[in-house]
Structures are given as structure tokens and as C-alpha cells.
Amino acid sequence: MEELHHIGIIYNVLLLDVNFELKADGDGQDSDGAHWIEIKQLNNLAITPFMKKIMLGHY
């Protein structure tokens, strides 16, 4: 049996350029891409209780 370990990293982002284009498509490896969301949308997303607690407790 192969063991799998997952590491989650949570960090803050400060957007310095309003014209910044986020890479929304995946890299075909370990990323499905990314997109910006409003904090108030977290309650409507399927995220882990850990993530919800960190994000909603932080803001």
C-alpha cells in the first residue's frame, strides 16, 4: 500500500494591479486552475470545515 500525504497551504494575497489576469486554466498536472471569489460566497461552496473556519474566522 502506498501512503499519501496532503499538505494544505493557506496564505493571504494582496492584489497590487487591478488589471492582473489570473491564470484560470489548469496546468494538466496538479492544478485545475484558479479564480477569485468573494468571502461571502464561501458558505455556498463545497469546502472542508477546516477551510471554512479559517477563511470565515479570519475575515
Protein backbone atom coordinates (compact mmCIF):
# COMPACT_ATOMS: atom_id res chain seq x y z
CA MET A 1 0.00 0.00 0.00
CA GLU A 2 1.28 3.46 -0.89
CA GLU A 3 0.91 6.26 1.65
CA LEU A 4 -0.35 9.64 0.54
CA HIS A 5 0.22 12.84 2.48
CA HIS A 6 -1.59 16.06 1.63
CA ILE A 7 -0.32 19.46 2.70
CA GLY A 8 -2.67 22.43 2.60
CA ILE A 9 -1.24 25.93 2.46
CA ILE A 10 -3.31 28.97 3.36
CA TYR A 11 -1.99 32.42 2.58
CA ASN A 12 -3.17 35.99 2.04
CA VAL A 13 -2.95 37.68 -1.35
CA LEU A 14 -2.69 41.42 -1.86
CA LEU A 15 -3.73 42.45 -5.37
CA LEU A 16 -1.50 45.33 -6.47
CA ASP A 17 -2.65 45.61 -10.08
CA VAL A 18 -6.38 45.70 -10.89
CA ASN A 19 -5.52 44.64 -14.46
CA PHE A 20 -3.88 41.39 -13.27
CA GLU A 21 -5.15 38.35 -15.18
CA LEU A 22 -5.39 35.24 -13.01
CA LYS A 23 -4.44 32.00 -14.78
CA ALA A 24 -7.83 30.28 -14.69
CA ASP A 25 -6.99 27.12 -16.64
CA GLY A 26 -5.13 24.17 -15.15
CA ASP A 27 -1.59 23.08 -15.82
CA GLY A 28 -2.55 19.48 -16.58
CA GLN A 29 -0.65 18.21 -13.57
CA ASP A 30 -1.77 19.14 -10.06
CA SER A 31 -3.79 22.29 -10.66
CA ASP A 32 -7.28 22.71 -12.05
CA GLY A 33 -6.70 26.45 -12.25
CA ALA A 34 -7.84 29.27 -10.02
CA HIS A 35 -10.41 32.01 -9.73
CA TRP A 36 -11.20 34.85 -7.35
CA ILE A 37 -14.28 34.55 -5.14
CA GLU A 38 -15.84 36.85 -2.58
CA ILE A 39 -15.54 35.73 1.05
CA LYS A 40 -19.34 35.81 1.41
CA GLN A 41 -19.60 33.07 -1.27
CA LEU A 42 -17.78 30.53 0.94
CA ASN A 43 -20.99 29.39 2.62
CA ASN A 44 -22.30 28.25 -0.77
CA LEU A 45 -19.21 26.25 -1.75
CA ALA A 46 -18.29 22.64 -1.03
CA ILE A 47 -15.18 23.27 1.05
CA THR A 48 -13.83 21.48 4.09
CA PRO A 49 -14.92 22.60 7.58
CA PHE A 50 -11.25 23.46 8.27
CA MET A 51 -11.07 25.80 5.30
CA LYS A 52 -14.41 27.41 6.12
CA LYS A 53 -13.35 28.03 9.73
CA ILE A 54 -10.01 29.54 8.70
CA MET A 55 -11.44 31.77 6.00
CA LEU A 56 -14.60 32.93 7.77
CA GLY A 57 -12.80 33.35 11.09
CA HIS A 58 -10.02 35.39 9.51
CA TYR A 59 -12.17 38.00 7.79
